[in-house]
Amino acid sequence: MISITSTVSLAEEELSFDFIRASGPGGQNVNKVSTACQLRFDLLHSPSLEPDVKERLSKLAGRRMTAEGVLMIEAKRFRTQEQNRIDALARLVALVQQALVPPKVRRRTRPTRTSSSARVDSKVRRGVIKRTRRFKPGDWE
């Protein structure tokens, strides 16, 4: 079990790891050793998460989400499989923790009387400045 919070955890069976060849530094080793980790998590069919959390997670995942509802995280920062595996898991946990927090409901508020009068005063001041710049017909002669 992978613990996300004290109440939410994911089963190891829900995750699958594939190791592929990574691009970037590594010298001759980069062409021989498969160190990059692809973590796949079937979000659509996961029994561990609530539907609203799944929806928020799919929005947060963005392009990392496939059409089949699988969340794919690719980790290739490190040169070893184990470090990349840990990195991918940490990124998944962080993403799920972020999705667990429900968004704050915005309450509409009215502007205060002071802010409304300040806005009107600034508009009046601007109008006065423009009026003083205006061309007057008698000024040419």
N, C-alpha and C. Protein backbone atom coordinates (compact mmCIF):
# COMPACT_ATOMS: atom_id res chain seq x y z
N MET A 1 0.83 -1.19 0.00
CA MET A 1 0.00 0.00 0.00
C MET A 1 0.87 1.26 0.00
N ILE A 2 0.50 2.20 -0.84
CA ILE A 2 1.20 3.48 -0.90
C ILE A 2 0.30 4.50 -0.21
N SER A 3 0.78 5.04 0.89
CA SER A 3 0.00 5.96 1.69
C SER A 3 0.07 7.37 1.10
N ILE A 4 -1.10 7.94 0.81
CA ILE A 4 -1.20 9.31 0.30
C ILE A 4 -1.43 10.26 1.48
N THR A 5 -2.48 9.97 2.25
CA THR A 5 -2.75 10.69 3.50
C THR A 5 -3.10 9.64 4.54
N SER A 6 -3.52 10.07 5.71
CA SER A 6 -3.87 9.11 6.76
C SER A 6 -5.12 8.30 6.40
N THR A 7 -5.97 8.84 5.52
CA THR A 7 -7.21 8.14 5.15
C THR A 7 -7.17 7.54 3.75
N VAL A 8 -6.33 8.05 2.87
CA VAL A 8 -6.29 7.59 1.47
C VAL A 8 -4.98 6.88 1.19
N SER A 9 -5.10 5.72 0.54
CA SER A 9 -3.90 5.00 0.11
C SER A 9 -4.21 4.26 -1.18
N LEU A 10 -3.18 3.98 -1.96
CA LEU A 10 -3.32 3.27 -3.23
C LEU A 10 -2.70 1.88 -3.10
N ALA A 11 -3.33 0.90 -3.71
CA ALA A 11 -2.78 -0.46 -3.70
C ALA A 11 -1.67 -0.55 -4.74
N GLU A 12 -0.65 -1.34 -4.44
CA GLU A 12 0.48 -1.52 -5.37
C GLU A 12 0.01 -2.11 -6.70
N GLU A 13 -1.08 -2.90 -6.66
CA GLU A 13 -1.59 -3.56 -7.87
C GLU A 13 -2.17 -2.55 -8.87
N GLU A 14 -2.53 -1.37 -8.38
CA GLU A 14 -3.11 -0.35 -9.26
C GLU A 14 -2.04 0.36 -10.10
N LEU A 15 -0.78 0.20 -9.72
CA LEU A 15 0.32 0.87 -10.40
C LEU A 15 1.11 -0.13 -11.23
N SER A 16 1.59 0.33 -12.38
CA SER A 16 2.50 -0.51 -13.16
C SER A 16 3.69 0.34 -13.57
N PHE A 17 4.86 -0.28 -13.52
CA PHE A 17 6.10 0.41 -13.84
C PHE A 17 6.72 -0.22 -15.08
N ASP A 18 7.13 0.61 -16.02
CA ASP A 18 7.88 0.17 -17.19
C ASP A 18 9.18 0.95 -17.20
N PHE A 19 10.26 0.29 -17.55
CA PHE A 19 11.55 0.98 -17.61
C PHE A 19 11.98 1.05 -19.07
N ILE A 20 12.29 2.27 -19.51
CA ILE A 20 12.65 2.52 -20.91
C ILE A 20 13.99 3.24 -20.96
N ARG A 21 14.54 3.34 -22.14
CA ARG A 21 15.80 4.07 -22.29
C ARG A 21 15.53 5.56 -22.18
N ALA A 22 16.39 6.22 -21.42
CA ALA A 22 16.22 7.65 -21.19
C ALA A 22 17.11 8.43 -22.14
N SER A 23 16.67 9.63 -22.48
CA SER A 23 17.51 10.53 -23.26
C SER A 23 18.34 11.35 -22.29
N GLY A 24 19.31 12.08 -22.77
CA GLY A 24 20.08 12.96 -21.91
C GLY A 24 21.43 12.38 -21.53
N PRO A 25 22.04 12.89 -20.44
CA PRO A 25 23.39 12.49 -20.09
C PRO A 25 23.47 11.03 -19.64
N GLY A 26 24.64 10.47 -19.73
CA GLY A 26 24.85 9.09 -19.31
C GLY A 26 25.93 8.42 -20.12
N GLY A 27 26.46 9.12 -21.10
CA GLY A 27 27.55 8.56 -21.91
C GLY A 27 27.09 7.37 -22.73
N GLN A 28 27.96 6.37 -22.86
CA GLN A 28 27.63 5.18 -23.64
C GLN A 28 26.54 4.37 -22.96
N ASN A 29 26.43 4.52 -21.65
CA ASN A 29 25.43 3.78 -20.88
C ASN A 29 24.00 4.09 -21.32
N VAL A 30 23.77 5.31 -21.80
CA VAL A 30 22.42 5.76 -22.13
C VAL A 30 21.81 4.91 -23.24
N ASN A 31 22.62 4.34 -24.09
CA ASN A 31 22.12 3.51 -25.20
C ASN A 31 21.93 2.05 -24.79
N LYS A 32 22.41 1.67 -23.63
CA LYS A 32 22.37 0.26 -23.23
C LYS A 32 21.41 -0.03 -22.08
N VAL A 33 21.26 0.92 -21.16
CA VAL A 33 20.53 0.65 -19.93
C VAL A 33 19.19 1.39 -19.92
N SER A 34 18.13 0.68 -19.55
CA SER A 34 16.80 1.28 -19.46
C SER A 34 16.57 1.79 -18.05
N THR A 35 16.85 3.07 -17.85
CA THR A 35 16.74 3.62 -16.50
C THR A 35 15.52 4.51 -16.31
N ALA A 36 14.97 5.07 -17.37
CA ALA A 36 13.80 5.94 -17.23
C ALA A 36 12.59 5.10 -16.81
N CYS A 37 11.76 5.66 -15.94
CA CYS A 37 10.62 4.92 -15.39
C CYS A 37 9.31 5.55 -15.89
N GLN A 38 8.42 4.69 -16.39
CA GLN A 38 7.08 5.13 -16.75
C GLN A 38 6.11 4.51 -15.76
N LEU A 39 5.46 5.36 -14.98
CA LEU A 39 4.48 4.91 -14.01
C LEU A 39 3.11 5.06 -14.63
N ARG A 40 2.34 4.00 -14.61
CA ARG A 40 0.97 4.04 -15.14
C ARG A 40 -0.01 3.76 -14.01
N PHE A 41 -1.02 4.62 -13.89
CA PHE A 41 -2.05 4.49 -12.86
C PHE A 41 -3.40 4.61 -13.54
N ASP A 42 -4.19 3.52 -13.51
CA ASP A 42 -5.50 3.51 -14.15
C ASP A 42 -6.49 4.27 -13.27
N LEU A 43 -6.58 5.54 -13.51
CA LEU A 43 -7.39 6.43 -12.69
C LEU A 43 -8.88 6.13 -12.85
N LEU A 44 -9.29 5.85 -14.07
CA LEU A 44 -10.70 5.65 -14.38
C LEU A 44 -11.28 4.46 -13.60
N HIS A 45 -10.50 3.39 -13.43
CA HIS A 45 -11.00 2.18 -12.79
C HIS A 45 -10.47 1.99 -11.37
N SER A 46 -9.93 3.03 -10.77
CA SER A 46 -9.35 2.92 -9.44
C SER A 46 -10.43 2.93 -8.36
N PRO A 47 -10.46 1.91 -7.50
CA PRO A 47 -11.44 1.90 -6.41
C PRO A 47 -11.00 2.73 -5.20
N SER A 48 -9.76 3.16 -5.19
CA SER A 48 -9.21 3.86 -4.02
C SER A 48 -9.65 5.31 -3.90
N LEU A 49 -10.04 5.93 -5.01
CA LEU A 49 -10.33 7.37 -4.99
C LEU A 49 -11.80 7.64 -5.25
N GLU A 50 -12.29 8.71 -4.64
CA GLU A 50 -13.67 9.15 -4.83
C GLU A 50 -13.83 9.78 -6.22
N PRO A 51 -15.05 9.77 -6.78
CA PRO A 51 -15.26 10.33 -8.13
C PRO A 51 -14.86 11.80 -8.27
N ASP A 52 -15.14 12.64 -7.25
CA ASP A 52 -14.78 14.05 -7.35
C ASP A 52 -13.26 14.23 -7.34
N VAL A 53 -12.55 13.39 -6.58
CA VAL A 53 -11.09 13.45 -6.54
C VAL A 53 -10.53 13.00 -7.90
N LYS A 54 -11.15 11.97 -8.49
CA LYS A 54 -10.71 11.49 -9.81
C LYS A 54 -10.85 12.60 -10.85
N GLU A 55 -11.96 13.32 -10.77
CA GLU A 55 -12.21 14.41 -11.73
C GLU A 55 -11.16 15.52 -11.59
N ARG A 56 -10.89 15.92 -10.34
CA ARG A 56 -9.88 16.96 -10.10
C ARG A 56 -8.50 16.49 -10.53
N LEU A 57 -8.19 15.21 -10.27
CA LEU A 57 -6.89 14.66 -10.64
C LEU A 57 -6.72 14.62 -12.15
N SER A 58 -7.78 14.27 -12.87
CA SER A 58 -7.67 14.23 -14.34
C SER A 58 -7.44 15.63 -14.91
N LYS A 59 -8.04 16.65 -14.27
CA LYS A 59 -7.81 18.03 -14.72
C LYS A 59 -6.38 18.46 -14.41
N LEU A 60 -5.89 18.10 -13.22
CA LEU A 60 -4.53 18.45 -12.84
C LEU A 60 -3.49 17.74 -13.71
N ALA A 61 -3.80 16.51 -14.11
CA ALA A 61 -2.85 15.71 -14.89
C ALA A 61 -2.63 16.30 -16.28
N GLY A 62 -3.67 16.86 -16.87
CA GLY A 62 -3.53 17.49 -18.19
C GLY A 62 -3.11 16.51 -19.27
N ARG A 63 -1.96 16.76 -19.90
CA ARG A 63 -1.50 15.92 -21.02
C ARG A 63 -0.97 14.57 -20.56
N ARG A 64 -0.74 14.42 -19.27
CA ARG A 64 -0.25 13.14 -18.75
C ARG A 64 -1.36 12.09 -18.70
N MET A 65 -2.60 12.50 -18.96
CA MET A 65 -3.74 11.60 -18.95
C MET A 65 -4.00 11.09 -20.36
N THR A 66 -4.16 9.77 -20.51
CA THR A 66 -4.45 9.21 -21.83
C THR A 66 -5.95 9.19 -22.06
N ALA A 67 -6.36 8.90 -23.28
CA ALA A 67 -7.78 8.85 -23.62
C ALA A 67 -8.50 7.73 -22.87
N GLU A 68 -7.77 6.69 -22.49
CA GLU A 68 -8.37 5.54 -21.78
C GLU A 68 -8.51 5.80 -20.28
N GLY A 69 -8.06 6.95 -19.81
CA GLY A 69 -8.17 7.28 -18.39
C GLY A 69 -7.00 6.78 -17.56
N VAL A 70 -5.85 6.61 -18.21
CA VAL A 70 -4.65 6.16 -17.50
C VAL A 70 -3.73 7.35 -17.31
N LEU A 71 -3.30 7.55 -16.07
CA LEU A 71 -2.37 8.62 -15.73
C LEU A 71 -0.96 8.08 -15.92
N MET A 72 -0.16 8.77 -16.71
CA MET A 72 1.19 8.30 -17.01
C MET A 72 2.20 9.35 -16.55
N ILE A 73 3.12 8.93 -15.68
CA ILE A 73 4.17 9.81 -15.20
C ILE A 73 5.51 9.22 -15.63
N GLU A 74 6.31 10.04 -16.29
CA GLU A 74 7.62 9.59 -16.76
C GLU A 74 8.71 10.26 -15.93
N ALA A 75 9.58 9.45 -15.34
CA ALA A 75 10.67 9.97 -14.52
C ALA A 75 11.99 9.53 -15.11
N LYS A 76 12.82 10.51 -15.48
CA LYS A 76 14.12 10.17 -16.07
C LYS A 76 15.22 11.13 -15.59
N ARG A 77 15.00 11.70 -14.40
CA ARG A 77 15.94 12.66 -13.86
C ARG A 77 17.23 12.02 -13.38
N PHE A 78 17.12 10.81 -12.87
CA PHE A 78 18.28 10.14 -12.27
C PHE A 78 18.83 9.06 -13.18
N ARG A 79 20.00 8.51 -12.80
CA ARG A 79 20.65 7.51 -13.63
C ARG A 79 20.35 6.08 -13.22
N THR A 80 19.60 5.90 -12.14
CA THR A 80 19.27 4.54 -11.72
C THR A 80 17.77 4.32 -11.77
N GLN A 81 17.38 3.05 -12.01
CA GLN A 81 15.96 2.71 -12.08
C GLN A 81 15.28 3.00 -10.75
N GLU A 82 15.92 2.62 -9.66
CA GLU A 82 15.29 2.76 -8.34
C GLU A 82 15.02 4.23 -7.99
N GLN A 83 15.99 5.11 -8.28
CA GLN A 83 15.78 6.53 -7.99
C GLN A 83 14.65 7.10 -8.85
N ASN A 84 14.59 6.70 -10.12
CA ASN A 84 13.52 7.17 -11.01
C ASN A 84 12.17 6.61 -10.58
N ARG A 85 12.15 5.38 -10.08
CA ARG A 85 10.91 4.77 -9.60
C ARG A 85 10.40 5.55 -8.38
N ILE A 86 11.28 5.88 -7.47
CA ILE A 86 10.91 6.65 -6.27
C ILE A 86 10.43 8.05 -6.66
N ASP A 87 11.11 8.65 -7.63
CA ASP A 87 10.74 9.98 -8.11
C ASP A 87 9.34 9.97 -8.72
N ALA A 88 9.04 8.96 -9.54
CA ALA A 88 7.72 8.85 -10.17
C ALA A 88 6.64 8.67 -9.12
N LEU A 89 6.90 7.83 -8.12
CA LEU A 89 5.94 7.62 -7.04
C LEU A 89 5.70 8.90 -6.25
N ALA A 90 6.77 9.62 -5.96
CA ALA A 90 6.64 10.87 -5.20
C ALA A 90 5.81 11.89 -5.98
N ARG A 91 6.00 11.94 -7.29
CA ARG A 91 5.25 12.88 -8.11
C ARG A 91 3.77 12.49 -8.17
N LEU A 92 3.50 11.19 -8.21
CA LEU A 92 2.11 10.72 -8.19
C LEU A 92 1.45 11.07 -6.87
N VAL A 93 2.14 10.83 -5.77
CA VAL A 93 1.59 11.13 -4.43
C VAL A 93 1.30 12.62 -4.32
N ALA A 94 2.22 13.46 -4.78
CA ALA A 94 2.02 14.91 -4.72
C ALA A 94 0.80 15.34 -5.53
N LEU A 95 0.63 14.72 -6.71
CA LEU A 95 -0.50 15.05 -7.58
C LEU A 95 -1.82 14.64 -6.93
N VAL A 96 -1.86 13.46 -6.33
CA VAL A 96 -3.09 12.98 -5.68
C VAL A 96 -3.39 13.84 -4.45
N GLN A 97 -2.36 14.21 -3.68
CA GLN A 97 -2.58 15.08 -2.52
C GLN A 97 -3.17 16.42 -2.93
N GLN A 98 -2.69 16.93 -4.05
CA GLN A 98 -3.20 18.21 -4.56
C GLN A 98 -4.67 18.06 -4.98
N ALA A 99 -5.02 16.90 -5.56
CA ALA A 99 -6.40 16.67 -6.01
C ALA A 99 -7.35 16.42 -4.84
N LEU A 100 -6.83 15.96 -3.72
CA LEU A 100 -7.66 15.68 -2.55
C LEU A 100 -8.22 16.95 -1.91
N VAL A 101 -7.55 18.07 -2.10
CA VAL A 101 -8.00 19.34 -1.51
C VAL A 101 -9.09 19.93 -2.38
N PRO A 102 -10.32 20.04 -1.86
CA PRO A 102 -11.40 20.61 -2.67
C PRO A 102 -11.16 22.10 -2.89
N PRO A 103 -11.53 22.60 -4.06
CA PRO A 103 -11.31 24.03 -4.33
C PRO A 103 -12.20 24.89 -3.44
N LYS A 104 -11.70 26.06 -3.10
CA LYS A 104 -12.44 26.99 -2.26
C LYS A 104 -13.59 27.58 -3.07
N VAL A 105 -14.77 27.64 -2.48
CA VAL A 105 -15.93 28.21 -3.16
C VAL A 105 -15.84 29.72 -3.09
N ARG A 106 -15.94 30.36 -4.24
CA ARG A 106 -15.84 31.81 -4.28
C ARG A 106 -17.21 32.42 -3.99
N ARG A 107 -17.24 33.33 -3.04
CA ARG A 107 -18.48 34.04 -2.72
C ARG A 107 -18.40 35.43 -3.32
N ARG A 108 -19.43 35.78 -4.06
CA ARG A 108 -19.46 37.09 -4.68
C ARG A 108 -19.65 38.16 -3.62
N THR A 109 -18.90 39.24 -3.74
CA THR A 109 -19.03 40.34 -2.79
C THR A 109 -19.27 41.63 -3.57
N ARG A 110 -19.92 42.56 -2.91
CA ARG A 110 -20.16 43.86 -3.54
C ARG A 110 -19.00 44.78 -3.19
N PRO A 111 -18.68 45.70 -4.11
CA PRO A 111 -17.62 46.66 -3.77
C PRO A 111 -18.08 47.59 -2.66
N THR A 112 -17.15 48.01 -1.82
CA THR A 112 -17.50 48.90 -0.72
C THR A 112 -17.83 50.29 -1.27
N ARG A 113 -18.52 51.08 -0.45
CA ARG A 113 -18.88 52.43 -0.87
C ARG A 113 -17.62 53.26 -1.11
N THR A 114 -16.60 53.07 -0.27
CA THR A 114 -15.34 53.82 -0.41
C THR A 114 -14.65 53.48 -1.73
N SER A 115 -14.59 52.17 -2.07
CA SER A 115 -13.90 51.79 -3.31
C SER A 115 -14.67 52.30 -4.53
N SER A 116 -16.01 52.29 -4.46
CA SER A 116 -16.81 52.81 -5.58
C SER A 116 -16.58 54.30 -5.76
N SER A 117 -16.58 55.06 -4.66
CA SER A 117 -16.38 56.51 -4.77
C SER A 117 -14.95 56.81 -5.22
N ALA A 118 -13.97 56.01 -4.80
CA ALA A 118 -12.59 56.22 -5.24
C ALA A 118 -12.47 55.99 -6.74
N ARG A 119 -13.17 54.98 -7.25
CA ARG A 119 -13.14 54.71 -8.69
C ARG A 119 -13.75 55.87 -9.46
N VAL A 120 -14.89 56.36 -9.01
CA VAL A 120 -15.55 57.49 -9.68
C VAL A 120 -14.67 58.74 -9.61
N ASP A 121 -14.05 58.99 -8.46
CA ASP A 121 -13.18 60.17 -8.31
C ASP A 121 -12.00 60.11 -9.28
N SER A 122 -11.42 58.91 -9.43
CA SER A 122 -10.28 58.79 -10.35
C SER A 122 -10.72 59.03 -11.79
N LYS A 123 -11.94 58.60 -12.13
CA LYS A 123 -12.46 58.83 -13.48
C LYS A 123 -12.70 60.33 -13.72
N VAL A 124 -13.22 61.00 -12.70
CA VAL A 124 -13.47 62.44 -12.81
C VAL A 124 -12.14 63.18 -12.99
N ARG A 125 -11.13 62.80 -12.18
CA ARG A 125 -9.80 63.43 -12.28
C ARG A 125 -9.21 63.24 -13.67
N ARG A 126 -9.35 62.04 -14.20
CA ARG A 126 -8.82 61.75 -15.54
C ARG A 126 -9.55 62.60 -16.59
N GLY A 127 -10.86 62.76 -16.42
CA GLY A 127 -11.65 63.57 -17.35
C GLY A 127 -11.22 65.03 -17.33
N VAL A 128 -10.91 65.54 -16.14
CA VAL A 128 -10.45 66.92 -16.00
C VAL A 128 -9.13 67.10 -16.75
N ILE A 129 -8.21 66.16 -16.58
CA ILE A 129 -6.91 66.23 -17.28
C ILE A 129 -7.12 66.26 -18.78
N LYS A 130 -8.03 65.41 -19.28
CA LYS A 130 -8.27 65.36 -20.73
C LYS A 130 -8.94 66.64 -21.22
N ARG A 131 -9.85 67.20 -20.40
CA ARG A 131 -10.54 68.42 -20.78
C ARG A 131 -9.56 69.58 -20.92
N THR A 132 -8.56 69.66 -20.05
CA THR A 132 -7.59 70.75 -20.12
C THR A 132 -6.70 70.63 -21.36
N ARG A 133 -6.55 69.44 -21.90
CA ARG A 133 -5.72 69.24 -23.10
C ARG A 133 -6.48 69.53 -24.39
N ARG A 134 -7.82 69.63 -24.30
CA ARG A 134 -8.65 69.75 -25.49
C ARG A 134 -8.36 71.04 -26.26
N PHE A 135 -8.44 70.96 -27.56
CA PHE A 135 -8.21 72.10 -28.45
C PHE A 135 -9.37 73.07 -28.36
N LYS A 136 -9.07 74.34 -28.22
CA LYS A 136 -10.08 75.39 -28.19
C LYS A 136 -9.96 76.19 -29.47
N PRO A 137 -11.05 76.44 -30.20
CA PRO A 137 -10.99 77.11 -31.51
C PRO A 137 -10.32 78.48 -31.49
N GLY A 138 -10.48 79.27 -30.43
CA GLY A 138 -9.93 80.62 -30.39
C GLY A 138 -8.43 80.63 -30.15
N ASP A 139 -7.81 79.51 -29.84
CA ASP A 139 -6.41 79.46 -29.51
C ASP A 139 -5.48 79.64 -30.71
N TRP A 140 -5.95 79.41 -31.94
CA TRP A 140 -5.09 79.46 -33.14
C TRP A 140 -4.73 80.88 -33.54
N GLU A 141 -5.54 81.85 -33.19
CA GLU A 141 -5.32 83.20 -33.70
C GLU A 141 -4.53 84.08 -32.81
